[in-house]
Amino acid sequence: MVESPIPSVPLRIAVPRGNLFAPTIDLLEKVGFDVAELRANDRKLVFEVGEGREIITTRPSDVPVYVEYGASDVGIVGKDVLLEYVRNVYELMDLGYGECRIVFAVPEGRDPESEELRRLGVMRVASKYPAITRRFFEERGQQVEVIDLRGSIELAPQVDLAESIVDLTSTGVTLGENNLVEKAEIARSSARLVANRVSWKLKASTIDQLVKRIKEAQEE
């Protein structure tokens, strides 16, 4: 555990439930926060983790909202969320875990873009990242219909709901198991530390020390 003290100023941290939760709690424990209750209680939402320190847990897409509006001073969230839900927060650092990629994928042996062009139709793209998807195809000068889904995106081409998908992948195994092949990488994602812009000014020494301790923990 790192030893550099964090100044005694109240600090609230927003932490995402889901895939990033476990490595985030591990990191905060290395930094010096008491996270025993977070590990033991998956229903509680607000946790005391030290004098004047609080951690709140929420869905990943809500983390930057809590930070932007000052309900949390800092938060930890995937870059994919920051790209999809653009928020007025200050991105402090790449935490280096939760690495994955947002990719454009199509059924193996098919080229939906060419097929739709020949038919003079509009390709349908299923994704849980509609904003990222629209920006990607707009930059390519392509008109597409984006179908916003929240479940298993890989199912959409199999049942003819969409001709292609934009989704998050870490190993590509799920794509392969569903006969999908990557056609383009859109962005890379990993966990990021973000701060409320007012807190960044008013609690600069506290947040700076938190960043320093995280860097120390990563070097251990």
C-alpha atoms as a PDB file:
ATOM      1  CA  MET A   1       0.000   0.000   0.000  1.00  0.00           C
ATOM      2  CA  VAL A   2       1.287   3.489  -0.859  1.00  0.00           C
ATOM      3  CA  GLU A   3       1.998   5.848   2.027  1.00  0.00           C
ATOM      4  CA  SER A   4       1.681   9.398   0.626  1.00  0.00           C
ATOM      5  CA  PRO A   5      -1.104  11.077   2.650  1.00  0.00           C
ATOM      6  CA  ILE A   6      -4.154  12.613   1.030  1.00  0.00           C
ATOM      7  CA  PRO A   7      -4.957  16.043   2.558  1.00  0.00           C
ATOM      8  CA  SER A   8      -7.943  15.961   4.922  1.00  0.00           C
ATOM      9  CA  VAL A   9     -10.531  17.495   2.600  1.00  0.00           C
ATOM     10  CA  PRO A  10     -13.925  15.825   1.933  1.00  0.00           C
ATOM     11  CA  LEU A  11     -13.819  13.832  -1.273  1.00  0.00           C
ATOM     12  CA  ARG A  12     -16.507  11.771  -3.002  1.00  0.00           C
ATOM     13  CA  ILE A  13     -15.630   9.233  -5.684  1.00  0.00           C
ATOM     14  CA  ALA A  14     -18.100   7.700  -8.160  1.00  0.00           C
ATOM     15  CA  VAL A  15     -17.335   4.078  -9.029  1.00  0.00           C
ATOM     16  CA  PRO A  16     -19.007   2.029 -11.801  1.00  0.00           C
ATOM     17  CA  ARG A  17     -20.709  -1.277 -11.126  1.00  0.00           C
ATOM     18  CA  GLY A  18     -20.069  -3.978 -13.710  1.00  0.00           C
ATOM     19  CA  ASN A  19     -16.829  -5.122 -15.332  1.00  0.00           C
ATOM     20  CA  LEU A  20     -14.716  -2.270 -13.972  1.00  0.00           C
ATOM     21  CA  PHE A  21     -15.944  -2.594 -10.388  1.00  0.00           C
ATOM     22  CA  ALA A  22     -13.546  -5.272  -9.070  1.00  0.00           C
ATOM     23  CA  PRO A  23     -10.293  -3.814 -10.486  1.00  0.00           C
ATOM     24  CA  THR A  24     -11.400  -0.327  -9.407  1.00  0.00           C
ATOM     25  CA  ILE A  25     -11.965  -1.460  -5.823  1.00  0.00           C
ATOM     26  CA  ASP A  26      -8.593  -3.237  -5.871  1.00  0.00           C
ATOM     27  CA  LEU A  27      -6.930  -0.004  -6.985  1.00  0.00           C
ATOM     28  CA  LEU A  28      -8.671   2.113  -4.350  1.00  0.00           C
ATOM     29  CA  GLU A  29      -7.646  -0.365  -1.679  1.00  0.00           C
ATOM     30  CA  LYS A  30      -3.998  -0.058  -2.764  1.00  0.00           C
ATOM     31  CA  VAL A  31      -4.369   3.718  -2.580  1.00  0.00           C
ATOM     32  CA  GLY A  32      -5.448   3.402   1.051  1.00  0.00           C
ATOM     33  CA  PHE A  33      -9.234   3.481   1.148  1.00  0.00           C
ATOM     34  CA  ASP A  34     -11.155   1.083   3.389  1.00  0.00           C
ATOM     35  CA  VAL A  35     -13.176  -0.872   0.814  1.00  0.00           C
ATOM     36  CA  ALA A  36     -14.167  -3.895   2.930  1.00  0.00           C
ATOM     37  CA  GLU A  37     -17.845  -2.896   2.982  1.00  0.00           C
ATOM     38  CA  LEU A  38     -17.899  -2.375  -0.783  1.00  0.00           C
ATOM     39  CA  ARG A  39     -16.729  -5.931  -1.263  1.00  0.00           C
ATOM     40  CA  ALA A  40     -19.335  -7.284   1.156  1.00  0.00           C
ATOM     41  CA  ASN A  41     -22.430  -5.255   0.254  1.00  0.00           C
ATOM     42  CA  ASP A  42     -23.697  -5.163  -3.345  1.00  0.00           C
ATOM     43  CA  ARG A  43     -26.947  -3.344  -2.501  1.00  0.00           C
ATOM     44  CA  LYS A  44     -25.749  -0.273  -0.645  1.00  0.00           C
ATOM     45  CA  LEU A  45     -24.959   2.758  -2.798  1.00  0.00           C
ATOM     46  CA  VAL A  46     -22.947   5.121  -0.572  1.00  0.00           C
ATOM     47  CA  PHE A  47     -19.943   3.990   1.476  1.00  0.00           C
ATOM     48  CA  GLU A  48     -17.725   5.699   4.053  1.00  0.00           C
ATOM     49  CA  VAL A  49     -14.151   4.742   3.181  1.00  0.00           C
ATOM     50  CA  GLY A  50     -12.178   6.987   5.506  1.00  0.00           C
ATOM     51  CA  GLU A  51     -12.445  10.318   7.291  1.00  0.00           C
ATOM     52  CA  GLY A  52     -14.327  12.655   4.964  1.00  0.00           C
ATOM     53  CA  ARG A  53     -14.136  10.105   2.152  1.00  0.00           C
ATOM     54  CA  GLU A  54     -17.116   8.586   0.361  1.00  0.00           C
ATOM     55  CA  ILE A  55     -17.547   6.219  -2.540  1.00  0.00           C
ATOM     56  CA  ILE A  56     -20.814   6.005  -4.434  1.00  0.00           C
ATOM     57  CA  THR A  57     -21.565   3.146  -6.820  1.00  0.00           C
ATOM     58  CA  THR A  58     -23.719   3.495  -9.907  1.00  0.00           C
ATOM     59  CA  ARG A  59     -24.164   2.272 -13.469  1.00  0.00           C
ATOM     60  CA  PRO A  60     -21.193   3.155 -15.688  1.00  0.00           C
ATOM     61  CA  SER A  61     -23.070   5.608 -17.913  1.00  0.00           C
ATOM     62  CA  ASP A  62     -24.151   7.618 -14.848  1.00  0.00           C
ATOM     63  CA  VAL A  63     -20.647   8.145 -13.431  1.00  0.00           C
ATOM     64  CA  PRO A  64     -19.781  11.170 -15.619  1.00  0.00           C
ATOM     65  CA  VAL A  65     -23.223  12.652 -14.905  1.00  0.00           C
ATOM     66  CA  TYR A  66     -22.618  12.604 -11.142  1.00  0.00           C
ATOM     67  CA  VAL A  67     -19.172  14.090 -11.713  1.00  0.00           C
ATOM     68  CA  GLU A  68     -20.292  16.793 -14.147  1.00  0.00           C
ATOM     69  CA  TYR A  69     -22.984  18.079 -11.798  1.00  0.00           C
ATOM     70  CA  GLY A  70     -20.761  17.985  -8.722  1.00  0.00           C
ATOM     71  CA  ALA A  71     -22.484  15.132  -6.908  1.00  0.00           C
ATOM     72  CA  SER A  72     -19.049  13.487  -7.010  1.00  0.00           C
ATOM     73  CA  ASP A  73     -15.690  15.209  -7.075  1.00  0.00           C
ATOM     74  CA  VAL A  74     -14.038  12.489  -9.137  1.00  0.00           C
ATOM     75  CA  GLY A  75     -15.102   9.282 -10.842  1.00  0.00           C
ATOM     76  CA  ILE A  76     -13.751   6.223 -12.590  1.00  0.00           C
ATOM     77  CA  VAL A  77     -15.320   5.260 -15.913  1.00  0.00           C
ATOM     78  CA  GLY A  78     -14.494   3.590 -19.209  1.00  0.00           C
ATOM     79  CA  LYS A  79     -13.377   5.745 -22.123  1.00  0.00           C
ATOM     80  CA  ASP A  80     -16.190   4.159 -24.167  1.00  0.00           C
ATOM     81  CA  VAL A  81     -18.717   5.837 -21.859  1.00  0.00           C
ATOM     82  CA  LEU A  82     -16.971   9.205 -22.187  1.00  0.00           C
ATOM     83  CA  LEU A  83     -17.024   8.908 -25.978  1.00  0.00           C
ATOM     84  CA  GLU A  84     -20.699   7.925 -26.094  1.00  0.00           C
ATOM     85  CA  TYR A  85     -22.086  10.292 -23.459  1.00  0.00           C
ATOM     86  CA  VAL A  86     -20.055  13.458 -23.925  1.00  0.00           C
ATOM     87  CA  ARG A  87     -19.919  15.263 -20.575  1.00  0.00           C
ATOM     88  CA  ASN A  88     -18.197  18.392 -19.281  1.00  0.00           C
ATOM     89  CA  VAL A  89     -15.675  16.651 -17.034  1.00  0.00           C
ATOM     90  CA  TYR A  90     -11.902  16.831 -16.814  1.00  0.00           C
ATOM     91  CA  GLU A  91     -10.130  13.610 -17.790  1.00  0.00           C
ATOM     92  CA  LEU A  92      -7.200  13.260 -15.398  1.00  0.00           C
ATOM     93  CA  MET A  93      -5.514  10.000 -16.340  1.00  0.00           C
ATOM     94  CA  ASP A  94      -5.677   6.644 -18.050  1.00  0.00           C
ATOM     95  CA  LEU A  95      -5.772   4.010 -15.304  1.00  0.00           C
ATOM     96  CA  GLY A  96      -4.546   1.289 -17.631  1.00  0.00           C
ATOM     97  CA  TYR A  97      -7.060  -1.477 -16.912  1.00  0.00           C
ATOM     98  CA  GLY A  98     -10.340  -2.567 -18.488  1.00  0.00           C
ATOM     99  CA  GLU A  99      -8.714  -2.341 -21.911  1.00  0.00           C
ATOM    100  CA  CYS A 100     -10.956  -3.115 -24.873  1.00  0.00           C
ATOM    101  CA  ARG A 101     -11.839  -1.796 -28.321  1.00  0.00           C
ATOM    102  CA  ILE A 102     -14.944  -0.454 -30.052  1.00  0.00           C
ATOM    103  CA  VAL A 103     -15.154  -2.124 -33.455  1.00  0.00           C
ATOM    104  CA  PHE A 104     -17.288  -2.223 -36.574  1.00  0.00           C
ATOM    105  CA  ALA A 105     -18.021  -5.870 -37.427  1.00  0.00           C
ATOM    106  CA  VAL A 106     -19.911  -7.681 -40.191  1.00  0.00           C
ATOM    107  CA  PRO A 107     -21.023 -11.283 -40.835  1.00  0.00           C
ATOM    108  CA  GLU A 108     -18.199 -13.466 -42.108  1.00  0.00           C
ATOM    109  CA  GLY A 109     -18.170 -13.775 -45.895  1.00  0.00           C
ATOM    110  CA  ARG A 110     -20.402 -10.746 -46.430  1.00  0.00           C
ATOM    111  CA  ASP A 111     -19.810  -7.104 -47.254  1.00  0.00           C
ATOM    112  CA  PRO A 112     -22.997  -5.285 -46.169  1.00  0.00           C
ATOM    113  CA  GLU A 113     -21.616  -1.911 -47.232  1.00  0.00           C
ATOM    114  CA  SER A 114     -21.186  -3.023 -50.844  1.00  0.00           C
ATOM    115  CA  GLU A 115     -24.470  -4.938 -50.877  1.00  0.00           C
ATOM    116  CA  GLU A 116     -26.456  -1.964 -49.609  1.00  0.00           C
ATOM    117  CA  LEU A 117     -24.692   0.353 -52.066  1.00  0.00           C
ATOM    118  CA  ARG A 118     -25.646  -1.909 -54.964  1.00  0.00           C
ATOM    119  CA  ARG A 119     -29.266  -1.945 -53.811  1.00  0.00           C
ATOM    120  CA  LEU A 120     -29.132   1.797 -53.176  1.00  0.00           C
ATOM    121  CA  GLY A 121     -30.332   1.095 -49.646  1.00  0.00           C
ATOM    122  CA  VAL A 122     -29.157   2.185 -46.220  1.00  0.00           C
ATOM    123  CA  MET A 123     -27.148  -0.243 -44.130  1.00  0.00           C
ATOM    124  CA  ARG A 124     -28.582  -0.965 -40.688  1.00  0.00           C
ATOM    125  CA  VAL A 125     -26.062  -1.023 -37.840  1.00  0.00           C
ATOM    126  CA  ALA A 126     -26.966  -2.377 -34.404  1.00  0.00           C
ATOM    127  CA  SER A 127     -25.124  -0.937 -31.420  1.00  0.00           C
ATOM    128  CA  LYS A 128     -25.332   0.050 -27.772  1.00  0.00           C
ATOM    129  CA  TYR A 129     -23.185   3.032 -28.801  1.00  0.00           C
ATOM    130  CA  PRO A 130     -25.473   4.974 -31.169  1.00  0.00           C
ATOM    131  CA  ALA A 131     -23.624   8.297 -30.848  1.00  0.00           C
ATOM    132  CA  ILE A 132     -20.202   6.750 -31.505  1.00  0.00           C
ATOM    133  CA  THR A 133     -21.653   4.770 -34.406  1.00  0.00           C
ATOM    134  CA  ARG A 134     -23.233   7.817 -36.048  1.00  0.00           C
ATOM    135  CA  ARG A 135     -20.035   9.863 -35.718  1.00  0.00           C
ATOM    136  CA  PHE A 136     -17.952   7.031 -37.183  1.00  0.00           C
ATOM    137  CA  PHE A 137     -20.085   6.675 -40.302  1.00  0.00           C
ATOM    138  CA  GLU A 138     -20.581  10.419 -40.699  1.00  0.00           C
ATOM    139  CA  GLU A 139     -16.797  10.827 -40.786  1.00  0.00           C
ATOM    140  CA  ARG A 140     -16.688   8.158 -43.495  1.00  0.00           C
ATOM    141  CA  GLY A 141     -19.405   9.975 -45.438  1.00  0.00           C
ATOM    142  CA  GLN A 142     -21.804   7.044 -45.148  1.00  0.00           C
ATOM    143  CA  GLN A 143     -25.499   7.166 -44.412  1.00  0.00           C
ATOM    144  CA  VAL A 144     -26.642   4.371 -42.094  1.00  0.00           C
ATOM    145  CA  GLU A 145     -29.612   3.520 -39.936  1.00  0.00           C
ATOM    146  CA  VAL A 146     -28.482   2.973 -36.347  1.00  0.00           C
ATOM    147  CA  ILE A 147     -30.514   0.540 -34.261  1.00  0.00           C
ATOM    148  CA  ASP A 148     -30.019   1.199 -30.555  1.00  0.00           C
ATOM    149  CA  LEU A 149     -29.908  -2.068 -28.578  1.00  0.00           C
ATOM    150  CA  ARG A 150     -29.018  -2.913 -24.966  1.00  0.00           C
ATOM    151  CA  GLY A 151     -28.790  -6.699 -25.116  1.00  0.00           C
ATOM    152  CA  SER A 152     -26.618  -9.088 -27.129  1.00  0.00           C
ATOM    153  CA  ILE A 153     -25.632  -6.999 -30.141  1.00  0.00           C
ATOM    154  CA  GLU A 154     -24.214 -10.047 -31.961  1.00  0.00           C
ATOM    155  CA  LEU A 155     -27.734 -11.441 -32.348  1.00  0.00           C
ATOM    156  CA  ALA A 156     -28.919  -8.636 -34.643  1.00  0.00           C
ATOM    157  CA  PRO A 157     -27.256  -9.843 -37.902  1.00  0.00           C
ATOM    158  CA  GLN A 158     -28.288 -13.440 -37.214  1.00  0.00           C
ATOM    159  CA  VAL A 159     -32.000 -12.573 -37.243  1.00  0.00           C
ATOM    160  CA  ASP A 160     -31.751  -9.914 -39.990  1.00  0.00           C
ATOM    161  CA  LEU A 161     -32.420  -7.012 -37.645  1.00  0.00           C
ATOM    162  CA  ALA A 162     -29.218  -5.358 -38.878  1.00  0.00           C
ATOM    163  CA  GLU A 163     -26.533  -6.038 -41.458  1.00  0.00           C
ATOM    164  CA  SER A 164     -23.633  -5.101 -39.156  1.00  0.00           C
ATOM    165  CA  ILE A 165     -22.771  -4.065 -35.607  1.00  0.00           C
ATOM    166  CA  VAL A 166     -20.632  -1.665 -33.604  1.00  0.00           C
ATOM    167  CA  ASP A 167     -19.670  -3.168 -30.277  1.00  0.00           C
ATOM    168  CA  LEU A 168     -17.074  -3.429 -27.545  1.00  0.00           C
ATOM    169  CA  THR A 169     -14.617  -6.314 -27.647  1.00  0.00           C
ATOM    170  CA  SER A 170     -11.575  -7.303 -25.626  1.00  0.00           C
ATOM    171  CA  THR A 171     -10.487 -10.588 -27.216  1.00  0.00           C
ATOM    172  CA  GLY A 172     -12.705 -10.917 -30.295  1.00  0.00           C
ATOM    173  CA  VAL A 173     -13.833 -14.374 -29.142  1.00  0.00           C
ATOM    174  CA  THR A 174     -17.526 -13.460 -28.917  1.00  0.00           C
ATOM    175  CA  LEU A 175     -17.424 -11.984 -32.413  1.00  0.00           C
ATOM    176  CA  GLY A 176     -15.901 -15.180 -33.795  1.00  0.00           C
ATOM    177  CA  GLU A 177     -18.385 -17.395 -31.978  1.00  0.00           C
ATOM    178  CA  ASN A 178     -21.172 -15.491 -33.724  1.00  0.00           C
ATOM    179  CA  ASN A 179     -19.545 -15.609 -37.184  1.00  0.00           C
ATOM    180  CA  LEU A 180     -18.673 -11.931 -37.152  1.00  0.00           C
ATOM    181  CA  VAL A 181     -15.410 -10.419 -38.341  1.00  0.00           C
ATOM    182  CA  GLU A 182     -13.932  -7.075 -37.435  1.00  0.00           C
ATOM    183  CA  LYS A 183     -13.893  -4.619 -40.315  1.00  0.00           C
ATOM    184  CA  ALA A 184     -12.601  -1.502 -38.549  1.00  0.00           C
ATOM    185  CA  GLU A 185     -11.411  -0.368 -35.148  1.00  0.00           C
ATOM    186  CA  ILE A 186     -13.246   2.779 -34.072  1.00  0.00           C
ATOM    187  CA  ALA A 187     -11.640   3.518 -30.710  1.00  0.00           C
ATOM    188  CA  ARG A 188      -9.715   2.026 -27.817  1.00  0.00           C
ATOM    189  CA  SER A 189     -11.098   2.124 -24.301  1.00  0.00           C
ATOM    190  CA  SER A 190      -9.772   1.697 -20.761  1.00  0.00           C
ATOM    191  CA  ALA A 191     -10.671   2.974 -17.307  1.00  0.00           C
ATOM    192  CA  ARG A 192     -10.178   6.711 -16.822  1.00  0.00           C
ATOM    193  CA  LEU A 193     -10.103   8.979 -13.769  1.00  0.00           C
ATOM    194  CA  VAL A 194     -12.266  12.060 -14.322  1.00  0.00           C
ATOM    195  CA  ALA A 195     -12.935  15.119 -12.172  1.00  0.00           C
ATOM    196  CA  ASN A 196     -15.591  17.761 -11.729  1.00  0.00           C
ATOM    197  CA  ARG A 197     -14.139  20.996 -13.081  1.00  0.00           C
ATOM    198  CA  VAL A 198     -15.031  23.049  -9.980  1.00  0.00           C
ATOM    199  CA  SER A 199     -13.719  20.366  -7.610  1.00  0.00           C
ATOM    200  CA  TRP A 200     -10.541  20.234  -9.683  1.00  0.00           C
ATOM    201  CA  LYS A 201      -9.942  23.876  -8.736  1.00  0.00           C
ATOM    202  CA  LEU A 202     -11.256  23.966  -5.159  1.00  0.00           C
ATOM    203  CA  LYS A 203      -9.792  20.618  -4.107  1.00  0.00           C
ATOM    204  CA  ALA A 204      -6.727  20.662  -6.331  1.00  0.00           C
ATOM    205  CA  SER A 205      -4.230  19.499  -3.701  1.00  0.00           C
ATOM    206  CA  THR A 206      -6.462  16.608  -2.618  1.00  0.00           C
ATOM    207  CA  ILE A 207      -7.142  15.424  -6.154  1.00  0.00           C
ATOM    208  CA  ASP A 208      -3.498  15.889  -7.157  1.00  0.00           C
ATOM    209  CA  GLN A 209      -2.460  13.738  -4.219  1.00  0.00           C
ATOM    210  CA  LEU A 210      -4.998  11.072  -5.216  1.00  0.00           C
ATOM    211  CA  VAL A 211      -3.509  11.020  -8.720  1.00  0.00           C
ATOM    212  CA  LYS A 212      -0.025  10.747  -7.230  1.00  0.00           C
ATOM    213  CA  ARG A 213      -1.025   7.819  -5.007  1.00  0.00           C
ATOM    214  CA  ILE A 214      -2.661   6.017  -7.909  1.00  0.00           C
ATOM    215  CA  LYS A 215       0.545   6.373  -9.924  1.00  0.00           C
ATOM    216  CA  GLU A 216       2.525   5.043  -6.962  1.00  0.00           C
ATOM    217  CA  ALA A 217       0.151   2.088  -6.645  1.00  0.00           C
ATOM    218  CA  GLN A 218       0.479   1.288 -10.355  1.00  0.00           C
ATOM    219  CA  GLU A 219       4.264   1.207 -10.048  1.00  0.00           C
ATOM    220  CA  GLU A 220       4.252  -1.328  -7.192  1.00  0.00           C
END
